[in-house]
Amino acid sequence: MEQGCIFCQIIAGEARADKVYETDDVLAFRDINPQAPVHILLVPKKHIARLADAAPDDQDVMGALMLAAKAVAEQEGVADGFRLVTNNGRQAGQSVFHLHFHLMGGRRFTWPPG
């Protein structure tokens, strides 16, 4: 657990979250500031600050994140149309430095996203 990381605190059960999915490697919970009718955050239980920090030995957990996204999309009824987003670094809008993916669905999305 990384000191001061809110996602590590959620994983450890020290902070509250509306959890929707959990495996040995991944936790998924509802975003507190949703940008779509379905807005779930998927986080690896291992602290990885950002995608650019993932190492070759993180291959299994990265695969687990993608399979969790599929499972959560199915569970939430948006498997036929959802967006999966991650921000890497402050310049890209990352505000919590624990790798996470935003799974959003339940509305029509446009391109480019912003």
PDB file of N, CA and C in Angstrom:
ATOM      1  N   MET A   1       0.845  -1.191   0.000  1.00  0.00           N
ATOM      2  CA  MET A   1       0.000   0.000   0.000  1.00  0.00           C
ATOM      3  C   MET A   1       0.879   1.239   0.000  1.00  0.00           C
ATOM      4  N   GLU A   2       0.542   2.155  -0.866  1.00  0.00           N
ATOM      5  CA  GLU A   2       1.275   3.414  -0.980  1.00  0.00           C
ATOM      6  C   GLU A   2       0.680   4.425  -0.002  1.00  0.00           C
ATOM      7  N   GLN A   3       1.527   5.006   0.827  1.00  0.00           N
ATOM      8  CA  GLN A   3       1.077   5.979   1.830  1.00  0.00           C
ATOM      9  C   GLN A   3       0.328   7.138   1.177  1.00  0.00           C
ATOM     10  N   GLY A   4      -0.865   7.456   1.669  1.00  0.00           N
ATOM     11  CA  GLY A   4      -1.628   8.589   1.181  1.00  0.00           C
ATOM     12  C   GLY A   4      -2.420   8.344  -0.096  1.00  0.00           C
ATOM     13  N   CYS A   5      -2.361   7.163  -0.651  1.00  0.00           N
ATOM     14  CA  CYS A   5      -3.084   6.858  -1.895  1.00  0.00           C
ATOM     15  C   CYS A   5      -4.515   6.444  -1.560  1.00  0.00           C
ATOM     16  N   ILE A   6      -5.483   7.232  -2.007  1.00  0.00           N
ATOM     17  CA  ILE A   6      -6.883   6.950  -1.710  1.00  0.00           C
ATOM     18  C   ILE A   6      -7.323   5.606  -2.279  1.00  0.00           C
ATOM     19  N   PHE A   7      -6.823   5.224  -3.442  1.00  0.00           N
ATOM     20  CA  PHE A   7      -7.228   3.935  -4.006  1.00  0.00           C
ATOM     21  C   PHE A   7      -6.636   2.780  -3.205  1.00  0.00           C
ATOM     22  N   CYS A   8      -5.413   2.934  -2.708  1.00  0.00           N
ATOM     23  CA  CYS A   8      -4.839   1.908  -1.828  1.00  0.00           C
ATOM     24  C   CYS A   8      -5.662   1.803  -0.544  1.00  0.00           C
ATOM     25  N   GLN A   9      -6.141   2.934  -0.040  1.00  0.00           N
ATOM     26  CA  GLN A   9      -6.973   2.933   1.167  1.00  0.00           C
ATOM     27  C   GLN A   9      -8.303   2.227   0.912  1.00  0.00           C
ATOM     28  N   ILE A  10      -8.885   2.436  -0.266  1.00  0.00           N
ATOM     29  CA  ILE A  10     -10.122   1.747  -0.628  1.00  0.00           C
ATOM     30  C   ILE A  10      -9.869   0.250  -0.720  1.00  0.00           C
ATOM     31  N   ILE A  11      -8.792  -0.141  -1.375  1.00  0.00           N
ATOM     32  CA  ILE A  11      -8.440  -1.561  -1.520  1.00  0.00           C
ATOM     33  C   ILE A  11      -8.265  -2.206  -0.149  1.00  0.00           C
ATOM     34  N   ALA A  12      -7.630  -1.493   0.783  1.00  0.00           N
ATOM     35  CA  ALA A  12      -7.373  -2.015   2.130  1.00  0.00           C
ATOM     36  C   ALA A  12      -8.605  -1.965   3.028  1.00  0.00           C
ATOM     37  N   GLY A  13      -9.695  -1.366   2.556  1.00  0.00           N
ATOM     38  CA  GLY A  13     -10.896  -1.257   3.363  1.00  0.00           C
ATOM     39  C   GLY A  13     -10.857  -0.107   4.358  1.00  0.00           C
ATOM     40  N   GLU A  14      -9.901   0.801   4.187  1.00  0.00           N
ATOM     41  CA  GLU A  14      -9.750   1.940   5.097  1.00  0.00           C
ATOM     42  C   GLU A  14     -10.555   3.152   4.646  1.00  0.00           C
ATOM     43  N   ALA A  15     -11.021   3.158   3.412  1.00  0.00           N
ATOM     44  CA  ALA A  15     -11.868   4.226   2.878  1.00  0.00           C
ATOM     45  C   ALA A  15     -13.042   3.557   2.177  1.00  0.00           C
ATOM     46  N   ARG A  16     -14.173   4.227   2.195  1.00  0.00           N
ATOM     47  CA  ARG A  16     -15.393   3.655   1.630  1.00  0.00           C
ATOM     48  C   ARG A  16     -15.467   3.850   0.118  1.00  0.00           C
ATOM     49  N   ALA A  17     -16.096   2.893  -0.519  1.00  0.00           N
ATOM     50  CA  ALA A  17     -16.380   2.972  -1.950  1.00  0.00           C
ATOM     51  C   ALA A  17     -17.562   2.057  -2.240  1.00  0.00           C
ATOM     52  N   ASP A  18     -18.296   2.368  -3.284  1.00  0.00           N
ATOM     53  CA  ASP A  18     -19.401   1.530  -3.725  1.00  0.00           C
ATOM     54  C   ASP A  18     -18.825   0.472  -4.674  1.00  0.00           C
ATOM     55  N   LYS A  19     -18.364  -0.621  -4.090  1.00  0.00           N
ATOM     56  CA  LYS A  19     -17.703  -1.680  -4.853  1.00  0.00           C
ATOM     57  C   LYS A  19     -18.713  -2.454  -5.684  1.00  0.00           C
ATOM     58  N   VAL A  20     -18.308  -2.760  -6.930  1.00  0.00           N
ATOM     59  CA  VAL A  20     -19.193  -3.514  -7.823  1.00  0.00           C
ATOM     60  C   VAL A  20     -18.573  -4.815  -8.323  1.00  0.00           C
ATOM     61  N   TYR A  21     -17.258  -4.969  -8.143  1.00  0.00           N
ATOM     62  CA  TYR A  21     -16.574  -6.156  -8.683  1.00  0.00           C
ATOM     63  C   TYR A  21     -15.229  -6.277  -7.987  1.00  0.00           C
ATOM     64  N   GLU A  22     -14.831  -7.524  -7.698  1.00  0.00           N
ATOM     65  CA  GLU A  22     -13.530  -7.719  -7.060  1.00  0.00           C
ATOM     66  C   GLU A  22     -12.991  -9.103  -7.364  1.00  0.00           C
ATOM     67  N   THR A  23     -11.680  -9.151  -7.648  1.00  0.00           N
ATOM     68  CA  THR A  23     -10.946 -10.403  -7.786  1.00  0.00           C
ATOM     69  C   THR A  23      -9.698 -10.279  -6.916  1.00  0.00           C
ATOM     70  N   ASP A  24      -8.839 -11.262  -6.985  1.00  0.00           N
ATOM     71  CA  ASP A  24      -7.574 -11.191  -6.243  1.00  0.00           C
ATOM     72  C   ASP A  24      -6.699 -10.038  -6.707  1.00  0.00           C
ATOM     73  N   ASP A  25      -6.844  -9.633  -7.977  1.00  0.00           N
ATOM     74  CA  ASP A  25      -5.960  -8.628  -8.569  1.00  0.00           C
ATOM     75  C   ASP A  25      -6.587  -7.269  -8.819  1.00  0.00           C
ATOM     76  N   VAL A  26      -7.921  -7.205  -8.888  1.00  0.00           N
ATOM     77  CA  VAL A  26      -8.614  -6.001  -9.356  1.00  0.00           C
ATOM     78  C   VAL A  26      -9.792  -5.661  -8.438  1.00  0.00           C
ATOM     79  N   LEU A  27      -9.996  -4.359  -8.256  1.00  0.00           N
ATOM     80  CA  LEU A  27     -11.183  -3.869  -7.562  1.00  0.00           C
ATOM     81  C   LEU A  27     -11.867  -2.858  -8.477  1.00  0.00           C
ATOM     82  N   ALA A  28     -13.189  -2.916  -8.561  1.00  0.00           N
ATOM     83  CA  ALA A  28     -13.959  -1.963  -9.352  1.00  0.00           C
ATOM     84  C   ALA A  28     -15.019  -1.333  -8.454  1.00  0.00           C
ATOM     85  N   PHE A  29     -15.166  -0.010  -8.585  1.00  0.00           N
ATOM     86  CA  PHE A  29     -16.132   0.715  -7.767  1.00  0.00           C
ATOM     87  C   PHE A  29     -16.652   1.918  -8.544  1.00  0.00           C
ATOM     88  N   ARG A  30     -17.813   2.405  -8.123  1.00  0.00           N
ATOM     89  CA  ARG A  30     -18.454   3.524  -8.812  1.00  0.00           C
ATOM     90  C   ARG A  30     -17.678   4.819  -8.580  1.00  0.00           C
ATOM     91  N   ASP A  31     -17.534   5.608  -9.646  1.00  0.00           N
ATOM     92  CA  ASP A  31     -16.879   6.912  -9.557  1.00  0.00           C
ATOM     93  C   ASP A  31     -17.768   7.860  -8.749  1.00  0.00           C
ATOM     94  N   ILE A  32     -17.160   8.648  -7.864  1.00  0.00           N
ATOM     95  CA  ILE A  32     -17.948   9.572  -7.037  1.00  0.00           C
ATOM     96  C   ILE A  32     -18.397  10.809  -7.812  1.00  0.00           C
ATOM     97  N   ASN A  33     -17.850  11.011  -9.009  1.00  0.00           N
ATOM     98  CA  ASN A  33     -18.234  12.134  -9.857  1.00  0.00           C
ATOM     99  C   ASN A  33     -18.514  11.600 -11.266  1.00  0.00           C
ATOM    100  N   PRO A  34     -19.600  10.838 -11.420  1.00  0.00           N
ATOM    101  CA  PRO A  34     -19.826  10.144 -12.693  1.00  0.00           C
ATOM    102  C   PRO A  34     -20.036  11.087 -13.868  1.00  0.00           C
ATOM    103  N   GLN A  35     -19.455  10.690 -14.996  1.00  0.00           N
ATOM    104  CA  GLN A  35     -19.574  11.438 -16.243  1.00  0.00           C
ATOM    105  C   GLN A  35     -20.473  10.727 -17.246  1.00  0.00           C
ATOM    106  N   ALA A  36     -21.092   9.642 -16.810  1.00  0.00           N
ATOM    107  CA  ALA A  36     -22.004   8.857 -17.641  1.00  0.00           C
ATOM    108  C   ALA A  36     -22.912   8.089 -16.686  1.00  0.00           C
ATOM    109  N   PRO A  37     -24.057   7.587 -17.175  1.00  0.00           N
ATOM    110  CA  PRO A  37     -24.934   6.808 -16.300  1.00  0.00           C
ATOM    111  C   PRO A  37     -24.221   5.635 -15.622  1.00  0.00           C
ATOM    112  N   VAL A  38     -23.308   4.998 -16.336  1.00  0.00           N
ATOM    113  CA  VAL A  38     -22.438   3.983 -15.747  1.00  0.00           C
ATOM    114  C   VAL A  38     -21.026   4.555 -15.785  1.00  0.00           C
ATOM    115  N   HIS A  39     -20.410   4.685 -14.635  1.00  0.00           N
ATOM    116  CA  HIS A  39     -19.021   5.186 -14.550  1.00  0.00           C
ATOM    117  C   HIS A  39     -18.346   4.453 -13.404  1.00  0.00           C
ATOM    118  N   ILE A  40     -17.559   3.464 -13.773  1.00  0.00           N
ATOM    119  CA  ILE A  40     -16.891   2.576 -12.826  1.00  0.00           C
ATOM    120  C   ILE A  40     -15.386   2.764 -12.958  1.00  0.00           C
ATOM    121  N   LEU A  41     -14.689   2.792 -11.833  1.00  0.00           N
ATOM    122  CA  LEU A  41     -13.224   2.805 -11.838  1.00  0.00           C
ATOM    123  C   LEU A  41     -12.728   1.397 -11.588  1.00  0.00           C
ATOM    124  N   LEU A  42     -11.771   0.958 -12.407  1.00  0.00           N
ATOM    125  CA  LEU A  42     -11.127  -0.340 -12.226  1.00  0.00           C
ATOM    126  C   LEU A  42      -9.681  -0.090 -11.840  1.00  0.00           C
ATOM    127  N   VAL A  43      -9.258  -0.650 -10.721  1.00  0.00           N
ATOM    128  CA  VAL A  43      -7.902  -0.426 -10.230  1.00  0.00           C
ATOM    129  C   VAL A  43      -7.218  -1.755  -9.941  1.00  0.00           C
ATOM    130  N   PRO A  44      -5.924  -1.840 -10.242  1.00  0.00           N
ATOM    131  CA  PRO A  44      -5.190  -3.025  -9.807  1.00  0.00           C
ATOM    132  C   PRO A  44      -4.967  -2.924  -8.301  1.00  0.00           C
ATOM    133  N   LYS A  45      -5.002  -4.042  -7.617  1.00  0.00           N
ATOM    134  CA  LYS A  45      -4.730  -4.021  -6.178  1.00  0.00           C
ATOM    135  C   LYS A  45      -3.265  -3.730  -5.902  1.00  0.00           C
ATOM    136  N   LYS A  46      -2.419  -4.058  -6.852  1.00  0.00           N
ATOM    137  CA  LYS A  46      -1.006  -3.685  -6.748  1.00  0.00           C
ATOM    138  C   LYS A  46      -0.884  -2.207  -7.095  1.00  0.00           C
ATOM    139  N   HIS A  47      -0.166  -1.453  -6.280  1.00  0.00           N
ATOM    140  CA  HIS A  47       0.001  -0.035  -6.572  1.00  0.00           C
ATOM    141  C   HIS A  47       0.971   0.144  -7.741  1.00  0.00           C
ATOM    142  N   ILE A  48       0.438   0.679  -8.827  1.00  0.00           N
ATOM    143  CA  ILE A  48       1.209   1.104  -9.999  1.00  0.00           C
ATOM    144  C   ILE A  48       0.757   2.542 -10.216  1.00  0.00           C
ATOM    145  N   ALA A  49       1.659   3.494 -10.168  1.00  0.00           N
ATOM    146  CA  ALA A  49       1.265   4.904 -10.190  1.00  0.00           C
ATOM    147  C   ALA A  49       0.553   5.302 -11.477  1.00  0.00           C
ATOM    148  N   ARG A  50       1.056   4.863 -12.613  1.00  0.00           N
ATOM    149  CA  ARG A  50       0.452   5.224 -13.902  1.00  0.00           C
ATOM    150  C   ARG A  50       0.808   4.154 -14.915  1.00  0.00           C
ATOM    151  N   LEU A  51       0.118   4.149 -16.028  1.00  0.00           N
ATOM    152  CA  LEU A  51       0.332   3.118 -17.041  1.00  0.00           C
ATOM    153  C   LEU A  51       1.785   3.080 -17.489  1.00  0.00           C
ATOM    154  N   ALA A  52       2.414   4.249 -17.612  1.00  0.00           N
ATOM    155  CA  ALA A  52       3.811   4.302 -18.047  1.00  0.00           C
ATOM    156  C   ALA A  52       4.761   3.631 -17.056  1.00  0.00           C
ATOM    157  N   ASP A  53       4.290   3.375 -15.839  1.00  0.00           N
ATOM    158  CA  ASP A  53       5.120   2.714 -14.834  1.00  0.00           C
ATOM    159  C   ASP A  53       4.925   1.206 -14.789  1.00  0.00           C
ATOM    160  N   ALA A  54       3.998   0.674 -15.574  1.00  0.00           N
ATOM    161  CA  ALA A  54       3.781  -0.772 -15.605  1.00  0.00           C
ATOM    162  C   ALA A  54       5.021  -1.451 -16.170  1.00  0.00           C
ATOM    163  N   ALA A  55       5.397  -2.540 -15.532  1.00  0.00           N
ATOM    164  CA  ALA A  55       6.608  -3.282 -15.905  1.00  0.00           C
ATOM    165  C   ALA A  55       6.217  -4.607 -16.563  1.00  0.00           C
ATOM    166  N   PRO A  56       7.175  -5.259 -17.227  1.00  0.00           N
ATOM    167  CA  PRO A  56       6.868  -6.546 -17.839  1.00  0.00           C
ATOM    168  C   PRO A  56       6.261  -7.560 -16.860  1.00  0.00           C
ATOM    169  N   ASP A  57       6.662  -7.514 -15.595  1.00  0.00           N
ATOM    170  CA  ASP A  57       6.091  -8.472 -14.639  1.00  0.00           C
ATOM    171  C   ASP A  57       4.670  -8.088 -14.200  1.00  0.00           C
ATOM    172  N   ASP A  58       4.133  -6.980 -14.713  1.00  0.00           N
ATOM    173  CA  ASP A  58       2.747  -6.584 -14.453  1.00  0.00           C
ATOM    174  C   ASP A  58       1.799  -7.095 -15.532  1.00  0.00           C
ATOM    175  N   GLN A  59       2.309  -7.887 -16.452  1.00  0.00           N
ATOM    176  CA  GLN A  59       1.498  -8.368 -17.567  1.00  0.00           C
ATOM    177  C   GLN A  59       0.230  -9.076 -17.094  1.00  0.00           C
ATOM    178  N   ASP A  60       0.325  -9.912 -16.080  1.00  0.00           N
ATOM    179  CA  ASP A  60      -0.851 -10.644 -15.615  1.00  0.00           C
ATOM    180  C   ASP A  60      -1.910  -9.707 -15.036  1.00  0.00           C
ATOM    181  N   VAL A  61      -1.492  -8.747 -14.226  1.00  0.00           N
ATOM    182  CA  VAL A  61      -2.466  -7.827 -13.637  1.00  0.00           C
ATOM    183  C   VAL A  61      -3.070  -6.922 -14.705  1.00  0.00           C
ATOM    184  N   MET A  62      -2.307  -6.546 -15.719  1.00  0.00           N
ATOM    185  CA  MET A  62      -2.850  -5.724 -16.793  1.00  0.00           C
ATOM    186  C   MET A  62      -3.907  -6.505 -17.578  1.00  0.00           C
ATOM    187  N   GLY A  63      -3.638  -7.768 -17.816  1.00  0.00           N
ATOM    188  CA  GLY A  63      -4.640  -8.617 -18.468  1.00  0.00           C
ATOM    189  C   GLY A  63      -5.871  -8.780 -17.596  1.00  0.00           C
ATOM    190  N   ALA A  64      -5.666  -8.914 -16.286  1.00  0.00           N
ATOM    191  CA  ALA A  64      -6.789  -9.041 -15.357  1.00  0.00           C
ATOM    192  C   ALA A  64      -7.659  -7.791 -15.381  1.00  0.00           C
ATOM    193  N   LEU A  65      -7.045  -6.623 -15.528  1.00  0.00           N
ATOM    194  CA  LEU A  65      -7.812  -5.375 -15.631  1.00  0.00           C
ATOM    195  C   LEU A  65      -8.714  -5.381 -16.861  1.00  0.00           C
ATOM    196  N   MET A  66      -8.197  -5.834 -17.991  1.00  0.00           N
ATOM    197  CA  MET A  66      -8.995  -5.856 -19.219  1.00  0.00           C
ATOM    198  C   MET A  66     -10.150  -6.850 -19.099  1.00  0.00           C
ATOM    199  N   LEU A  67      -9.889  -8.016 -18.530  1.00  0.00           N
ATOM    200  CA  LEU A  67     -10.963  -8.996 -18.355  1.00  0.00           C
ATOM    201  C   LEU A  67     -11.983  -8.520 -17.330  1.00  0.00           C
ATOM    202  N   ALA A  68     -11.535  -7.790 -16.322  1.00  0.00           N
ATOM    203  CA  ALA A  68     -12.460  -7.205 -15.344  1.00  0.00           C
ATOM    204  C   ALA A  68     -13.342  -6.166 -16.023  1.00  0.00           C
ATOM    205  N   ALA A  69     -12.774  -5.375 -16.919  1.00  0.00           N
ATOM    206  CA  ALA A  69     -13.565  -4.379 -17.649  1.00  0.00           C
ATOM    207  C   ALA A  69     -14.681  -5.063 -18.421  1.00  0.00           C
ATOM    208  N   LYS A  70     -14.361  -6.143 -19.076  1.00  0.00           N
ATOM    209  CA  LYS A  70     -15.376  -6.904 -19.825  1.00  0.00           C
ATOM    210  C   LYS A  70     -16.462  -7.408 -18.884  1.00  0.00           C
ATOM    211  N   ALA A  71     -16.069  -7.995 -17.763  1.00  0.00           N
ATOM    212  CA  ALA A  71     -17.027  -8.537 -16.806  1.00  0.00           C
ATOM    213  C   ALA A  71     -17.918  -7.440 -16.214  1.00  0.00           C
ATOM    214  N   VAL A  72     -17.332  -6.303 -15.873  1.00  0.00           N
ATOM    215  CA  VAL A  72     -18.101  -5.198 -15.298  1.00  0.00           C
ATOM    216  C   VAL A  72     -19.069  -4.625 -16.335  1.00  0.00           C
ATOM    217  N   ALA A  73     -18.618  -4.475 -17.571  1.00  0.00           N
ATOM    218  CA  ALA A  73     -19.498  -3.981 -18.629  1.00  0.00           C
ATOM    219  C   ALA A  73     -20.705  -4.903 -18.797  1.00  0.00           C
ATOM    220  N   GLU A  74     -20.468  -6.196 -18.778  1.00  0.00           N
ATOM    221  CA  GLU A  74     -21.570  -7.155 -18.872  1.00  0.00           C
ATOM    222  C   GLU A  74     -22.489  -7.033 -17.666  1.00  0.00           C
ATOM    223  N   GLN A  75     -21.908  -6.982 -16.489  1.00  0.00           N
ATOM    224  CA  GLN A  75     -22.671  -6.888 -15.246  1.00  0.00           C
ATOM    225  C   GLN A  75     -23.540  -5.630 -15.207  1.00  0.00           C
ATOM    226  N   GLU A  76     -23.013  -4.528 -15.731  1.00  0.00           N
ATOM    227  CA  GLU A  76     -23.713  -3.242 -15.699  1.00  0.00           C
ATOM    228  C   GLU A  76     -24.640  -3.029 -16.898  1.00  0.00           C
ATOM    229  N   GLY A  77     -24.665  -3.997 -17.822  1.00  0.00           N
ATOM    230  CA  GLY A  77     -25.569  -3.924 -18.962  1.00  0.00           C
ATOM    231  C   GLY A  77     -25.119  -3.000 -20.076  1.00  0.00           C
ATOM    232  N   VAL A  78     -23.815  -2.747 -20.170  1.00  0.00           N
ATOM    233  CA  VAL A  78     -23.311  -1.848 -21.221  1.00  0.00           C
ATOM    234  C   VAL A  78     -22.289  -2.526 -22.136  1.00  0.00           C
ATOM    235  N   ALA A  79     -22.282  -3.837 -22.159  1.00  0.00           N
ATOM    236  CA  ALA A  79     -21.266  -4.566 -22.930  1.00  0.00           C
ATOM    237  C   ALA A  79     -21.300  -4.237 -24.418  1.00  0.00           C
ATOM    238  N   ASP A  80     -22.431  -3.790 -24.937  1.00  0.00           N
ATOM    239  CA  ASP A  80     -22.531  -3.475 -26.361  1.00  0.00           C
ATOM    240  C   ASP A  80     -22.069  -2.069 -26.705  1.00  0.00           C
ATOM    241  N   GLY A  81     -21.703  -1.264 -25.697  1.00  0.00           N
ATOM    242  CA  GLY A  81     -21.240   0.087 -25.983  1.00  0.00           C
ATOM    243  C   GLY A  81     -20.716   0.769 -24.733  1.00  0.00           C
ATOM    244  N   PHE A  82     -19.412   0.738 -24.565  1.00  0.00           N
ATOM    245  CA  PHE A  82     -18.804   1.412 -23.427  1.00  0.00           C
ATOM    246  C   PHE A  82     -17.459   1.982 -23.835  1.00  0.00           C
ATOM    247  N   ARG A  83     -16.966   2.899 -23.033  1.00  0.00           N
ATOM    248  CA  ARG A  83     -15.657   3.494 -23.263  1.00  0.00           C
ATOM    249  C   ARG A  83     -14.774   3.158 -22.075  1.00  0.00           C
ATOM    250  N   LEU A  84     -13.510   2.825 -22.349  1.00  0.00           N
ATOM    251  CA  LEU A  84     -12.519   2.530 -21.328  1.00  0.00           C
ATOM    252  C   LEU A  84     -11.393   3.535 -21.493  1.00  0.00           C
ATOM    253  N   VAL A  85     -11.132   4.335 -20.445  1.00  0.00           N
ATOM    254  CA  VAL A  85     -10.182   5.446 -20.533  1.00  0.00           C
ATOM    255  C   VAL A  85      -9.210   5.378 -19.373  1.00  0.00           C
ATOM    256  N   THR A  86      -7.940   5.688 -19.654  1.00  0.00           N
ATOM    257  CA  THR A  86      -6.978   5.920 -18.588  1.00  0.00           C
ATOM    258  C   THR A  86      -6.199   7.186 -18.922  1.00  0.00           C
ATOM    259  N   ASN A  87      -5.875   7.936 -17.905  1.00  0.00           N
ATOM    260  CA  ASN A  87      -5.063   9.142 -18.063  1.00  0.00           C
ATOM    261  C   ASN A  87      -3.680   8.825 -17.514  1.00  0.00           C
ATOM    262  N   ASN A  88      -2.653   9.214 -18.224  1.00  0.00           N
ATOM    263  CA  ASN A  88      -1.277   8.935 -17.814  1.00  0.00           C
ATOM    264  C   ASN A  88      -0.538  10.249 -17.580  1.00  0.00           C
ATOM    265  N   GLY A  89      -0.427  10.642 -16.320  1.00  0.00           N
ATOM    266  CA  GLY A  89       0.298  11.853 -15.968  1.00  0.00           C
ATOM    267  C   GLY A  89      -0.607  13.069 -15.842  1.00  0.00           C
ATOM    268  N   ARG A  90      -0.105  14.068 -15.154  1.00  0.00           N
ATOM    269  CA  ARG A  90      -0.880  15.298 -14.904  1.00  0.00           C
ATOM    270  C   ARG A  90      -1.331  15.969 -16.194  1.00  0.00           C
ATOM    271  N   GLN A  91      -0.449  16.007 -17.195  1.00  0.00           N
ATOM    272  CA  GLN A  91      -0.780  16.677 -18.456  1.00  0.00           C
ATOM    273  C   GLN A  91      -1.974  16.024 -19.153  1.00  0.00           C
ATOM    274  N   ALA A  92      -2.187  14.737 -18.883  1.00  0.00           N
ATOM    275  CA  ALA A  92      -3.320  14.023 -19.472  1.00  0.00           C
ATOM    276  C   ALA A  92      -4.558  14.064 -18.578  1.00  0.00           C
ATOM    277  N   GLY A  93      -4.433  14.685 -17.397  1.00  0.00           N
ATOM    278  CA  GLY A  93      -5.577  14.802 -16.501  1.00  0.00           C
ATOM    279  C   GLY A  93      -5.604  13.811 -15.364  1.00  0.00           C
ATOM    280  N   GLN A  94      -4.532  13.043 -15.173  1.00  0.00           N
ATOM    281  CA  GLN A  94      -4.508  12.096 -14.054  1.00  0.00           C
ATOM    282  C   GLN A  94      -4.425  12.866 -12.743  1.00  0.00           C
ATOM    283  N   SER A  95      -5.344  12.579 -11.822  1.00  0.00           N
ATOM    284  CA  SER A  95      -5.352  13.270 -10.536  1.00  0.00           C
ATOM    285  C   SER A  95      -5.077  12.337  -9.368  1.00  0.00           C
ATOM    286  N   VAL A  96      -5.341  11.049  -9.536  1.00  0.00           N
ATOM    287  CA  VAL A  96      -4.991  10.051  -8.521  1.00  0.00           C
ATOM    288  C   VAL A  96      -3.899   9.181  -9.128  1.00  0.00           C
ATOM    289  N   PHE A  97      -2.752   9.169  -8.485  1.00  0.00           N
ATOM    290  CA  PHE A  97      -1.604   8.450  -9.048  1.00  0.00           C
ATOM    291  C   PHE A  97      -1.548   7.015  -8.551  1.00  0.00           C
ATOM    292  N   HIS A  98      -2.586   6.288  -8.926  1.00  0.00           N
ATOM    293  CA  HIS A  98      -2.713   4.837  -8.812  1.00  0.00           C
ATOM    294  C   HIS A  98      -3.416   4.473 -10.104  1.00  0.00           C
ATOM    295  N   LEU A  99      -2.780   3.688 -10.929  1.00  0.00           N
ATOM    296  CA  LEU A  99      -3.345   3.327 -12.230  1.00  0.00           C
ATOM    297  C   LEU A  99      -4.811   2.970 -12.092  1.00  0.00           C
ATOM    298  N   HIS A 100      -5.639   3.532 -12.938  1.00  0.00           N
ATOM    299  CA  HIS A 100      -7.055   3.196 -12.951  1.00  0.00           C
ATOM    300  C   HIS A 100      -7.630   3.435 -14.338  1.00  0.00           C
ATOM    301  N   PHE A 101      -8.639   2.659 -14.628  1.00  0.00           N
ATOM    302  CA  PHE A 101      -9.377   2.785 -15.873  1.00  0.00           C
ATOM    303  C   PHE A 101     -10.794   3.231 -15.552  1.00  0.00           C
ATOM    304  N   HIS A 102     -11.299   4.170 -16.330  1.00  0.00           N
ATOM    305  CA  HIS A 102     -12.684   4.611 -16.228  1.00  0.00           C
ATOM    306  C   HIS A 102     -13.480   3.801 -17.245  1.00  0.00           C
ATOM    307  N   LEU A 103     -14.453   3.051 -16.777  1.00  0.00           N
ATOM    308  CA  LEU A 103     -15.372   2.357 -17.670  1.00  0.00           C
ATOM    309  C   LEU A 103     -16.667   3.165 -17.643  1.00  0.00           C
ATOM    310  N   MET A 104     -17.022   3.706 -18.806  1.00  0.00           N
ATOM    311  CA  MET A 104     -18.215   4.549 -18.898  1.00  0.00           C
ATOM    312  C   MET A 104     -19.147   4.016 -19.974  1.00  0.00           C
ATOM    313  N   GLY A 105     -20.426   4.065 -19.689  1.00  0.00           N
ATOM    314  CA  GLY A 105     -21.421   3.605 -20.645  1.00  0.00           C
ATOM    315  C   GLY A 105     -22.793   4.123 -20.268  1.00  0.00           C
ATOM    316  N   GLY A 106     -23.772   3.718 -21.042  1.00  0.00           N
ATOM    317  CA  GLY A 106     -25.141   4.100 -20.772  1.00  0.00           C
ATOM    318  C   GLY A 106     -25.564   5.386 -21.465  1.00  0.00           C
ATOM    319  N   ARG A 107     -24.688   5.933 -22.296  1.00  0.00           N
ATOM    320  CA  ARG A 107     -25.030   7.100 -23.114  1.00  0.00           C
ATOM    321  C   ARG A 107     -24.167   7.066 -24.364  1.00  0.00           C
ATOM    322  N   ARG A 108     -24.503   7.902 -25.325  1.00  0.00           N
ATOM    323  CA  ARG A 108     -23.742   8.012 -26.570  1.00  0.00           C
ATOM    324  C   ARG A 108     -22.506   8.886 -26.330  1.00  0.00           C
ATOM    325  N   PHE A 109     -21.380   8.466 -26.849  1.00  0.00           N
ATOM    326  CA  PHE A 109     -20.139   9.219 -26.731  1.00  0.00           C
ATOM    327  C   PHE A 109     -19.760   9.811 -28.076  1.00  0.00           C
ATOM    328  N   THR A 110     -19.025  10.908 -28.048  1.00  0.00           N
ATOM    329  CA  THR A 110     -18.562  11.533 -29.273  1.00  0.00           C
ATOM    330  C   THR A 110     -17.050  11.385 -29.382  1.00  0.00           C
ATOM    331  N   TRP A 111     -16.516  11.737 -30.554  1.00  0.00           N
ATOM    332  CA  TRP A 111     -15.080  11.685 -30.792  1.00  0.00           C
ATOM    333  C   TRP A 111     -14.690  12.925 -31.542  1.00  0.00           C
ATOM    334  N   PRO A 112     -13.623  13.609 -31.233  1.00  0.00           N
ATOM    335  CA  PRO A 112     -12.682  13.267 -30.167  1.00  0.00           C
ATOM    336  C   PRO A 112     -13.272  13.566 -28.785  1.00  0.00           C
ATOM    337  N   PRO A 113     -12.745  12.884 -27.760  1.00  0.00           N
ATOM    338  CA  PRO A 113     -13.326  12.995 -26.426  1.00  0.00           C
ATOM    339  C   PRO A 113     -13.066  14.315 -25.710  1.00  0.00           C
ATOM    340  N   GLY A 114     -12.060  15.061 -26.065  1.00  0.00           N
ATOM    341  CA  GLY A 114     -11.848  16.299 -25.353  1.00  0.00           C
ATOM    342  C   GLY A 114     -10.484  16.782 -25.587  1.00  0.00           C
TER     343      GLY A 114
END
